Amino acid sequence: FVTDSLNHAIRKITPGGSVSTIAGL
């Protein structure tokens, strides 16, 4: 789980490397 600071969003990366946004726009 990553704080993507200048996107103002919280991202998730699965063990296989797939990235999604779980919170924030």
mmCIF file of all heavy atoms, coordinates in Angstrom:
data_MODEL
# 
_entry.id   MODEL 
# 
loop_
_atom_site.group_PDB 
_atom_site.id 
_atom_site.type_symbol 
_atom_site.label_atom_id 
_atom_site.label_alt_id 
_atom_site.label_comp_id 
_atom_site.label_asym_id 
_atom_site.label_entity_id 
_atom_site.label_seq_id 
_atom_site.pdbx_PDB_ins_code 
_atom_site.Cartn_x 
_atom_site.Cartn_y 
_atom_site.Cartn_z 
_atom_site.occupancy 
_atom_site.B_iso_or_equiv 
_atom_site.pdbx_formal_charge 
_atom_site.auth_seq_id 
_atom_site.auth_comp_id 
_atom_site.auth_asym_id 
_atom_site.auth_atom_id 
_atom_site.pdbx_PDB_model_num 
ATOM 1   N N   . PHE A 1 1  ? 0.856   -1.176  0.000   1.00 0.00 ? 1  PHE A N   1 
ATOM 2   C CA  . PHE A 1 1  ? 0.000   0.000   0.000   1.00 0.00 ? 1  PHE A CA  1 
ATOM 3   C C   . PHE A 1 1  ? 0.899   1.235   0.000   1.00 0.00 ? 1  PHE A C   1 
ATOM 4   O O   . PHE A 1 1  ? 1.857   1.315   0.778   1.00 0.00 ? 1  PHE A O   1 
ATOM 5   C CB  . PHE A 1 1  ? -0.934  -0.016  1.199   1.00 0.00 ? 1  PHE A CB  1 
ATOM 6   C CG  . PHE A 1 1  ? -1.931  -1.149  1.156   1.00 0.00 ? 1  PHE A CG  1 
ATOM 7   C CD1 . PHE A 1 1  ? -1.596  -2.398  1.654   1.00 0.00 ? 1  PHE A CD1 1 
ATOM 8   C CD2 . PHE A 1 1  ? -3.172  -0.968  0.588   1.00 0.00 ? 1  PHE A CD2 1 
ATOM 9   C CE1 . PHE A 1 1  ? -2.500  -3.458  1.587   1.00 0.00 ? 1  PHE A CE1 1 
ATOM 10  C CE2 . PHE A 1 1  ? -4.087  -2.017  0.518   1.00 0.00 ? 1  PHE A CE2 1 
ATOM 11  C CZ  . PHE A 1 1  ? -3.752  -3.262  1.020   1.00 0.00 ? 1  PHE A CZ  1 
ATOM 12  N N   . VAL A 1 2  ? 0.593   2.169   -0.875  1.00 0.00 ? 2  VAL A N   1 
ATOM 13  C CA  . VAL A 1 2  ? 1.480   3.299   -1.149  1.00 0.00 ? 2  VAL A CA  1 
ATOM 14  C C   . VAL A 1 2  ? 0.722   4.610   -0.992  1.00 0.00 ? 2  VAL A C   1 
ATOM 15  O O   . VAL A 1 2  ? -0.404  4.752   -1.505  1.00 0.00 ? 2  VAL A O   1 
ATOM 16  C CB  . VAL A 1 2  ? 2.046   3.206   -2.588  1.00 0.00 ? 2  VAL A CB  1 
ATOM 17  C CG1 . VAL A 1 2  ? 2.984   4.381   -2.869  1.00 0.00 ? 2  VAL A CG1 1 
ATOM 18  C CG2 . VAL A 1 2  ? 2.748   1.877   -2.815  1.00 0.00 ? 2  VAL A CG2 1 
ATOM 19  N N   . THR A 1 3  ? 1.338   5.565   -0.287  1.00 0.00 ? 3  THR A N   1 
ATOM 20  C CA  . THR A 1 3  ? 0.797   6.920   -0.291  1.00 0.00 ? 3  THR A CA  1 
ATOM 21  C C   . THR A 1 3  ? 1.392   7.650   -1.494  1.00 0.00 ? 3  THR A C   1 
ATOM 22  O O   . THR A 1 3  ? 2.577   7.958   -1.530  1.00 0.00 ? 3  THR A O   1 
ATOM 23  C CB  . THR A 1 3  ? 1.133   7.667   1.014   1.00 0.00 ? 3  THR A CB  1 
ATOM 24  O OG1 . THR A 1 3  ? 2.528   7.546   1.285   1.00 0.00 ? 3  THR A OG1 1 
ATOM 25  C CG2 . THR A 1 3  ? 0.350   7.116   2.182   1.00 0.00 ? 3  THR A CG2 1 
ATOM 26  N N   . ASP A 1 4  ? 0.547   7.889   -2.472  1.00 0.00 ? 4  ASP A N   1 
ATOM 27  C CA  . ASP A 1 4  ? 0.957   8.545   -3.721  1.00 0.00 ? 4  ASP A CA  1 
ATOM 28  C C   . ASP A 1 4  ? 0.730   10.038  -3.502  1.00 0.00 ? 4  ASP A C   1 
ATOM 29  O O   . ASP A 1 4  ? -0.312  10.592  -3.861  1.00 0.00 ? 4  ASP A O   1 
ATOM 30  C CB  . ASP A 1 4  ? 0.115   7.974   -4.853  1.00 0.00 ? 4  ASP A CB  1 
ATOM 31  C CG  . ASP A 1 4  ? 0.679   8.298   -6.224  1.00 0.00 ? 4  ASP A CG  1 
ATOM 32  O OD1 . ASP A 1 4  ? 1.760   8.887   -6.305  1.00 0.00 ? 4  ASP A OD1 1 
ATOM 33  O OD2 . ASP A 1 4  ? 0.012   7.952   -7.223  1.00 0.00 ? 4  ASP A OD2 1 
ATOM 34  N N   . SER A 1 5  ? 1.734   10.697  -2.916  1.00 0.00 ? 5  SER A N   1 
ATOM 35  C CA  . SER A 1 5  ? 1.489   11.981  -2.255  1.00 0.00 ? 5  SER A CA  1 
ATOM 36  C C   . SER A 1 5  ? 1.001   13.093  -3.169  1.00 0.00 ? 5  SER A C   1 
ATOM 37  O O   . SER A 1 5  ? 0.061   13.813  -2.830  1.00 0.00 ? 5  SER A O   1 
ATOM 38  C CB  . SER A 1 5  ? 2.745   12.421  -1.500  1.00 0.00 ? 5  SER A CB  1 
ATOM 39  O OG  . SER A 1 5  ? 3.808   12.659  -2.385  1.00 0.00 ? 5  SER A OG  1 
ATOM 40  N N   . LEU A 1 6  ? 1.617   13.274  -4.327  1.00 0.00 ? 6  LEU A N   1 
ATOM 41  C CA  . LEU A 1 6  ? 1.199   14.379  -5.188  1.00 0.00 ? 6  LEU A CA  1 
ATOM 42  C C   . LEU A 1 6  ? -0.011  14.021  -6.049  1.00 0.00 ? 6  LEU A C   1 
ATOM 43  O O   . LEU A 1 6  ? -0.565  14.892  -6.729  1.00 0.00 ? 6  LEU A O   1 
ATOM 44  C CB  . LEU A 1 6  ? 2.369   14.856  -6.051  1.00 0.00 ? 6  LEU A CB  1 
ATOM 45  C CG  . LEU A 1 6  ? 3.522   15.498  -5.274  1.00 0.00 ? 6  LEU A CG  1 
ATOM 46  C CD1 . LEU A 1 6  ? 4.568   16.055  -6.217  1.00 0.00 ? 6  LEU A CD1 1 
ATOM 47  C CD2 . LEU A 1 6  ? 3.016   16.596  -4.336  1.00 0.00 ? 6  LEU A CD2 1 
ATOM 48  N N   . ASN A 1 7  ? -0.418  12.758  -6.018  1.00 0.00 ? 7  ASN A N   1 
ATOM 49  C CA  . ASN A 1 7  ? -1.720  12.385  -6.584  1.00 0.00 ? 7  ASN A CA  1 
ATOM 50  C C   . ASN A 1 7  ? -2.813  12.441  -5.534  1.00 0.00 ? 7  ASN A C   1 
ATOM 51  O O   . ASN A 1 7  ? -3.995  12.265  -5.863  1.00 0.00 ? 7  ASN A O   1 
ATOM 52  C CB  . ASN A 1 7  ? -1.665  10.974  -7.184  1.00 0.00 ? 7  ASN A CB  1 
ATOM 53  C CG  . ASN A 1 7  ? -1.171  10.966  -8.614  1.00 0.00 ? 7  ASN A CG  1 
ATOM 54  O OD1 . ASN A 1 7  ? -1.434  11.891  -9.382  1.00 0.00 ? 7  ASN A OD1 1 
ATOM 55  N ND2 . ASN A 1 7  ? -0.439  9.924   -8.983  1.00 0.00 ? 7  ASN A ND2 1 
ATOM 56  N N   . HIS A 1 8  ? -2.429  12.636  -4.257  1.00 0.00 ? 8  HIS A N   1 
ATOM 57  C CA  . HIS A 1 8  ? -3.385  12.710  -3.148  1.00 0.00 ? 8  HIS A CA  1 
ATOM 58  C C   . HIS A 1 8  ? -4.243  11.444  -3.095  1.00 0.00 ? 8  HIS A C   1 
ATOM 59  O O   . HIS A 1 8  ? -5.459  11.508  -2.895  1.00 0.00 ? 8  HIS A O   1 
ATOM 60  C CB  . HIS A 1 8  ? -4.276  13.948  -3.277  1.00 0.00 ? 8  HIS A CB  1 
ATOM 61  C CG  . HIS A 1 8  ? -3.523  15.195  -3.625  1.00 0.00 ? 8  HIS A CG  1 
ATOM 62  N ND1 . HIS A 1 8  ? -2.607  15.780  -2.779  1.00 0.00 ? 8  HIS A ND1 1 
ATOM 63  C CD2 . HIS A 1 8  ? -3.512  15.953  -4.758  1.00 0.00 ? 8  HIS A CD2 1 
ATOM 64  C CE1 . HIS A 1 8  ? -2.079  16.847  -3.357  1.00 0.00 ? 8  HIS A CE1 1 
ATOM 65  N NE2 . HIS A 1 8  ? -2.603  16.969  -4.559  1.00 0.00 ? 8  HIS A NE2 1 
ATOM 66  N N   . ALA A 1 9  ? -3.595  10.297  -3.281  1.00 0.00 ? 9  ALA A N   1 
ATOM 67  C CA  . ALA A 1 9  ? -4.326  9.034   -3.373  1.00 0.00 ? 9  ALA A CA  1 
ATOM 68  C C   . ALA A 1 9  ? -3.567  7.919   -2.670  1.00 0.00 ? 9  ALA A C   1 
ATOM 69  O O   . ALA A 1 9  ? -2.354  8.007   -2.443  1.00 0.00 ? 9  ALA A O   1 
ATOM 70  C CB  . ALA A 1 9  ? -4.557  8.661   -4.837  1.00 0.00 ? 9  ALA A CB  1 
ATOM 71  N N   . ILE A 1 10 ? -4.286  6.848   -2.344  1.00 0.00 ? 10 ILE A N   1 
ATOM 72  C CA  . ILE A 1 10 ? -3.706  5.654   -1.744  1.00 0.00 ? 10 ILE A CA  1 
ATOM 73  C C   . ILE A 1 10 ? -3.812  4.537   -2.771  1.00 0.00 ? 10 ILE A C   1 
ATOM 74  O O   . ILE A 1 10 ? -4.894  4.236   -3.274  1.00 0.00 ? 10 ILE A O   1 
ATOM 75  C CB  . ILE A 1 10 ? -4.436  5.252   -0.446  1.00 0.00 ? 10 ILE A CB  1 
ATOM 76  C CG1 . ILE A 1 10 ? -4.603  6.467   0.482   1.00 0.00 ? 10 ILE A CG1 1 
ATOM 77  C CG2 . ILE A 1 10 ? -3.682  4.120   0.242   1.00 0.00 ? 10 ILE A CG2 1 
ATOM 78  C CD1 . ILE A 1 10 ? -3.323  7.153   0.881   1.00 0.00 ? 10 ILE A CD1 1 
ATOM 79  N N   . ARG A 1 11 ? -2.672  3.929   -3.069  1.00 0.00 ? 11 ARG A N   1 
ATOM 80  C CA  . ARG A 1 11 ? -2.612  2.907   -4.115  1.00 0.00 ? 11 ARG A CA  1 
ATOM 81  C C   . ARG A 1 11 ? -2.305  1.535   -3.508  1.00 0.00 ? 11 ARG A C   1 
ATOM 82  O O   . ARG A 1 11 ? -1.720  1.431   -2.430  1.00 0.00 ? 11 ARG A O   1 
ATOM 83  C CB  . ARG A 1 11 ? -1.521  3.251   -5.137  1.00 0.00 ? 11 ARG A CB  1 
ATOM 84  C CG  . ARG A 1 11 ? -1.463  4.711   -5.578  1.00 0.00 ? 11 ARG A CG  1 
ATOM 85  C CD  . ARG A 1 11 ? -2.649  5.112   -6.446  1.00 0.00 ? 11 ARG A CD  1 
ATOM 86  N NE  . ARG A 1 11 ? -2.624  4.482   -7.762  1.00 0.00 ? 11 ARG A NE  1 
ATOM 87  C CZ  . ARG A 1 11 ? -1.892  4.916   -8.795  1.00 0.00 ? 11 ARG A CZ  1 
ATOM 88  N NH1 . ARG A 1 11 ? -1.082  5.958   -8.647  1.00 0.00 ? 11 ARG A NH1 1 
ATOM 89  N NH2 . ARG A 1 11 ? -1.951  4.296   -9.974  1.00 0.00 ? 11 ARG A NH2 1 
ATOM 90  N N   . LYS A 1 12 ? -2.679  0.495   -4.221  1.00 0.00 ? 12 LYS A N   1 
ATOM 91  C CA  . LYS A 1 12 ? -2.411  -0.887  -3.818  1.00 0.00 ? 12 LYS A CA  1 
ATOM 92  C C   . LYS A 1 12 ? -1.680  -1.600  -4.946  1.00 0.00 ? 12 LYS A C   1 
ATOM 93  O O   . LYS A 1 12 ? -2.038  -1.456  -6.117  1.00 0.00 ? 12 LYS A O   1 
ATOM 94  C CB  . LYS A 1 12 ? -3.720  -1.618  -3.498  1.00 0.00 ? 12 LYS A CB  1 
ATOM 95  C CG  . LYS A 1 12 ? -3.542  -3.087  -3.131  1.00 0.00 ? 12 LYS A CG  1 
ATOM 96  C CD  . LYS A 1 12 ? -4.893  -3.758  -2.875  1.00 0.00 ? 12 LYS A CD  1 
ATOM 97  C CE  . LYS A 1 12 ? -4.730  -5.240  -2.569  1.00 0.00 ? 12 LYS A CE  1 
ATOM 98  N NZ  . LYS A 1 12 ? -6.042  -5.907  -2.306  1.00 0.00 ? 12 LYS A NZ  1 
ATOM 99  N N   . ILE A 1 13 ? -0.647  -2.371  -4.577  1.00 0.00 ? 13 ILE A N   1 
ATOM 100 C CA  . ILE A 1 13 ? 0.102   -3.164  -5.550  1.00 0.00 ? 13 ILE A CA  1 
ATOM 101 C C   . ILE A 1 13 ? 0.031   -4.628  -5.116  1.00 0.00 ? 13 ILE A C   1 
ATOM 102 O O   . ILE A 1 13 ? 0.459   -4.976  -4.014  1.00 0.00 ? 13 ILE A O   1 
ATOM 103 C CB  . ILE A 1 13 ? 1.575   -2.732  -5.642  1.00 0.00 ? 13 ILE A CB  1 
ATOM 104 C CG1 . ILE A 1 13 ? 1.692   -1.220  -5.855  1.00 0.00 ? 13 ILE A CG1 1 
ATOM 105 C CG2 . ILE A 1 13 ? 2.281   -3.482  -6.764  1.00 0.00 ? 13 ILE A CG2 1 
ATOM 106 C CD1 . ILE A 1 13 ? 3.117   -0.701  -5.798  1.00 0.00 ? 13 ILE A CD1 1 
ATOM 107 N N   . THR A 1 14 ? -0.499  -5.482  -5.944  1.00 0.00 ? 14 THR A N   1 
ATOM 108 C CA  . THR A 1 14 ? -0.573  -6.900  -5.633  1.00 0.00 ? 14 THR A CA  1 
ATOM 109 C C   . THR A 1 14 ? 0.814   -7.530  -5.768  1.00 0.00 ? 14 THR A C   1 
ATOM 110 O O   . THR A 1 14 ? 1.723   -6.936  -6.374  1.00 0.00 ? 14 THR A O   1 
ATOM 111 C CB  . THR A 1 14 ? -1.542  -7.615  -6.580  1.00 0.00 ? 14 THR A CB  1 
ATOM 112 O OG1 . THR A 1 14 ? -0.995  -7.585  -7.908  1.00 0.00 ? 14 THR A OG1 1 
ATOM 113 C CG2 . THR A 1 14 ? -2.915  -6.960  -6.567  1.00 0.00 ? 14 THR A CG2 1 
ATOM 114 N N   . PRO A 1 15 ? 1.003   -8.748  -5.216  1.00 0.00 ? 15 PRO A N   1 
ATOM 115 C CA  . PRO A 1 15 ? 2.306   -9.407  -5.371  1.00 0.00 ? 15 PRO A CA  1 
ATOM 116 C C   . PRO A 1 15 ? 2.722   -9.579  -6.829  1.00 0.00 ? 15 PRO A C   1 
ATOM 117 O O   . PRO A 1 15 ? 3.920   -9.639  -7.137  1.00 0.00 ? 15 PRO A O   1 
ATOM 118 C CB  . PRO A 1 15 ? 2.097   -10.759 -4.687  1.00 0.00 ? 15 PRO A CB  1 
ATOM 119 C CG  . PRO A 1 15 ? 1.039   -10.490 -3.672  1.00 0.00 ? 15 PRO A CG  1 
ATOM 120 C CD  . PRO A 1 15 ? 0.114   -9.498  -4.315  1.00 0.00 ? 15 PRO A CD  1 
ATOM 121 N N   . GLY A 1 16 ? 1.744   -9.628  -7.745  1.00 0.00 ? 16 GLY A N   1 
ATOM 122 C CA  . GLY A 1 16 ? 2.055   -9.757  -9.163  1.00 0.00 ? 16 GLY A CA  1 
ATOM 123 C C   . GLY A 1 16 ? 2.354   -8.445  -9.859  1.00 0.00 ? 16 GLY A C   1 
ATOM 124 O O   . GLY A 1 16 ? 2.641   -8.422  -11.063 1.00 0.00 ? 16 GLY A O   1 
ATOM 125 N N   . GLY A 1 17 ? 2.276   -7.302  -9.106  1.00 0.00 ? 17 GLY A N   1 
ATOM 126 C CA  . GLY A 1 17 ? 2.639   -6.008  -9.670  1.00 0.00 ? 17 GLY A CA  1 
ATOM 127 C C   . GLY A 1 17 ? 1.501   -5.212  -10.264 1.00 0.00 ? 17 GLY A C   1 
ATOM 128 O O   . GLY A 1 17 ? 1.733   -4.205  -10.936 1.00 0.00 ? 17 GLY A O   1 
ATOM 129 N N   . SER A 1 18 ? 0.248   -5.628  -10.002 1.00 0.00 ? 18 SER A N   1 
ATOM 130 C CA  . SER A 1 18 ? -0.903  -4.891  -10.526 1.00 0.00 ? 18 SER A CA  1 
ATOM 131 C C   . SER A 1 18 ? -1.262  -3.751  -9.572  1.00 0.00 ? 18 SER A C   1 
ATOM 132 O O   . SER A 1 18 ? -1.453  -3.961  -8.367  1.00 0.00 ? 18 SER A O   1 
ATOM 133 C CB  . SER A 1 18 ? -2.100  -5.829  -10.683 1.00 0.00 ? 18 SER A CB  1 
ATOM 134 O OG  . SER A 1 18 ? -3.228  -5.129  -11.155 1.00 0.00 ? 18 SER A OG  1 
ATOM 135 N N   . VAL A 1 19 ? -1.355  -2.532  -10.112 1.00 0.00 ? 19 VAL A N   1 
ATOM 136 C CA  . VAL A 1 19 ? -1.583  -1.331  -9.309  1.00 0.00 ? 19 VAL A CA  1 
ATOM 137 C C   . VAL A 1 19 ? -3.024  -0.856  -9.470  1.00 0.00 ? 19 VAL A C   1 
ATOM 138 O O   . VAL A 1 19 ? -3.537  -0.756  -10.590 1.00 0.00 ? 19 VAL A O   1 
ATOM 139 C CB  . VAL A 1 19 ? -0.627  -0.205  -9.730  1.00 0.00 ? 19 VAL A CB  1 
ATOM 140 C CG1 . VAL A 1 19 ? -0.882  1.061   -8.917  1.00 0.00 ? 19 VAL A CG1 1 
ATOM 141 C CG2 . VAL A 1 19 ? 0.823   -0.650  -9.582  1.00 0.00 ? 19 VAL A CG2 1 
ATOM 142 N N   . SER A 1 20 ? -3.672  -0.555  -8.335  1.00 0.00 ? 20 SER A N   1 
ATOM 143 C CA  . SER A 1 20 ? -5.015  0.031   -8.349  1.00 0.00 ? 20 SER A CA  1 
ATOM 144 C C   . SER A 1 20 ? -5.071  1.160   -7.320  1.00 0.00 ? 20 SER A C   1 
ATOM 145 O O   . SER A 1 20 ? -4.194  1.281   -6.457  1.00 0.00 ? 20 SER A O   1 
ATOM 146 C CB  . SER A 1 20 ? -6.073  -1.032  -8.029  1.00 0.00 ? 20 SER A CB  1 
ATOM 147 O OG  . SER A 1 20 ? -5.845  -1.597  -6.745  1.00 0.00 ? 20 SER A OG  1 
ATOM 148 N N   . THR A 1 21 ? -6.093  1.989   -7.429  1.00 0.00 ? 21 THR A N   1 
ATOM 149 C CA  . THR A 1 21 ? -6.301  3.090   -6.479  1.00 0.00 ? 21 THR A CA  1 
ATOM 150 C C   . THR A 1 21 ? -7.436  2.699   -5.547  1.00 0.00 ? 21 THR A C   1 
ATOM 151 O O   . THR A 1 21 ? -8.538  2.395   -6.005  1.00 0.00 ? 21 THR A O   1 
ATOM 152 C CB  . THR A 1 21 ? -6.647  4.386   -7.213  1.00 0.00 ? 21 THR A CB  1 
ATOM 153 O OG1 . THR A 1 21 ? -5.584  4.717   -8.119  1.00 0.00 ? 21 THR A OG1 1 
ATOM 154 C CG2 . THR A 1 21 ? -6.850  5.533   -6.240  1.00 0.00 ? 21 THR A CG2 1 
ATOM 155 N N   . ILE A 1 22 ? -7.162  2.701   -4.220  1.00 0.00 ? 22 ILE A N   1 
ATOM 156 C CA  . ILE A 1 22 ? -8.207  2.277   -3.287  1.00 0.00 ? 22 ILE A CA  1 
ATOM 157 C C   . ILE A 1 22 ? -8.911  3.442   -2.611  1.00 0.00 ? 22 ILE A C   1 
ATOM 158 O O   . ILE A 1 22 ? -10.038 3.292   -2.139  1.00 0.00 ? 22 ILE A O   1 
ATOM 159 C CB  . ILE A 1 22 ? -7.657  1.312   -2.226  1.00 0.00 ? 22 ILE A CB  1 
ATOM 160 C CG1 . ILE A 1 22 ? -6.655  2.013   -1.308  1.00 0.00 ? 22 ILE A CG1 1 
ATOM 161 C CG2 . ILE A 1 22 ? -7.035  0.080   -2.872  1.00 0.00 ? 22 ILE A CG2 1 
ATOM 162 C CD1 . ILE A 1 22 ? -6.315  1.204   -0.058  1.00 0.00 ? 22 ILE A CD1 1 
ATOM 163 N N   . ALA A 1 23 ? -8.291  4.614   -2.558  1.00 0.00 ? 23 ALA A N   1 
ATOM 164 C CA  . ALA A 1 23 ? -8.923  5.750   -1.893  1.00 0.00 ? 23 ALA A CA  1 
ATOM 165 C C   . ALA A 1 23 ? -8.329  7.049   -2.417  1.00 0.00 ? 23 ALA A C   1 
ATOM 166 O O   . ALA A 1 23 ? -7.142  7.131   -2.707  1.00 0.00 ? 23 ALA A O   1 
ATOM 167 C CB  . ALA A 1 23 ? -8.746  5.662   -0.385  1.00 0.00 ? 23 ALA A CB  1 
ATOM 168 N N   . GLY A 1 24 ? -9.186  8.056   -2.520  1.00 0.00 ? 24 GLY A N   1 
ATOM 169 C CA  . GLY A 1 24 ? -8.766  9.341   -3.053  1.00 0.00 ? 24 GLY A CA  1 
ATOM 170 C C   . GLY A 1 24 ? -8.962  9.408   -4.551  1.00 0.00 ? 24 GLY A C   1 
ATOM 171 O O   . GLY A 1 24 ? -9.169  8.380   -5.218  1.00 0.00 ? 24 GLY A O   1 
ATOM 172 N N   . LEU A 1 25 ? -8.922  10.621  -5.082  1.00 0.00 ? 25 LEU A N   1 
ATOM 173 C CA  . LEU A 1 25 ? -9.086  10.848  -6.520  1.00 0.00 ? 25 LEU A CA  1 
ATOM 174 C C   . LEU A 1 25 ? -7.835  11.548  -7.029  1.00 0.00 ? 25 LEU A C   1 
ATOM 175 O O   . LEU A 1 25 ? -7.495  12.644  -6.574  1.00 0.00 ? 25 LEU A O   1 
ATOM 176 C CB  . LEU A 1 25 ? -10.335 11.698  -6.793  1.00 0.00 ? 25 LEU A CB  1 
ATOM 177 C CG  . LEU A 1 25 ? -10.686 11.927  -8.258  1.00 0.00 ? 25 LEU A CG  1 
ATOM 178 C CD1 . LEU A 1 25 ? -10.993 10.598  -8.954  1.00 0.00 ? 25 LEU A CD1 1 
ATOM 179 C CD2 . LEU A 1 25 ? -11.877 12.873  -8.375  1.00 0.00 ? 25 LEU A CD2 1 
# 
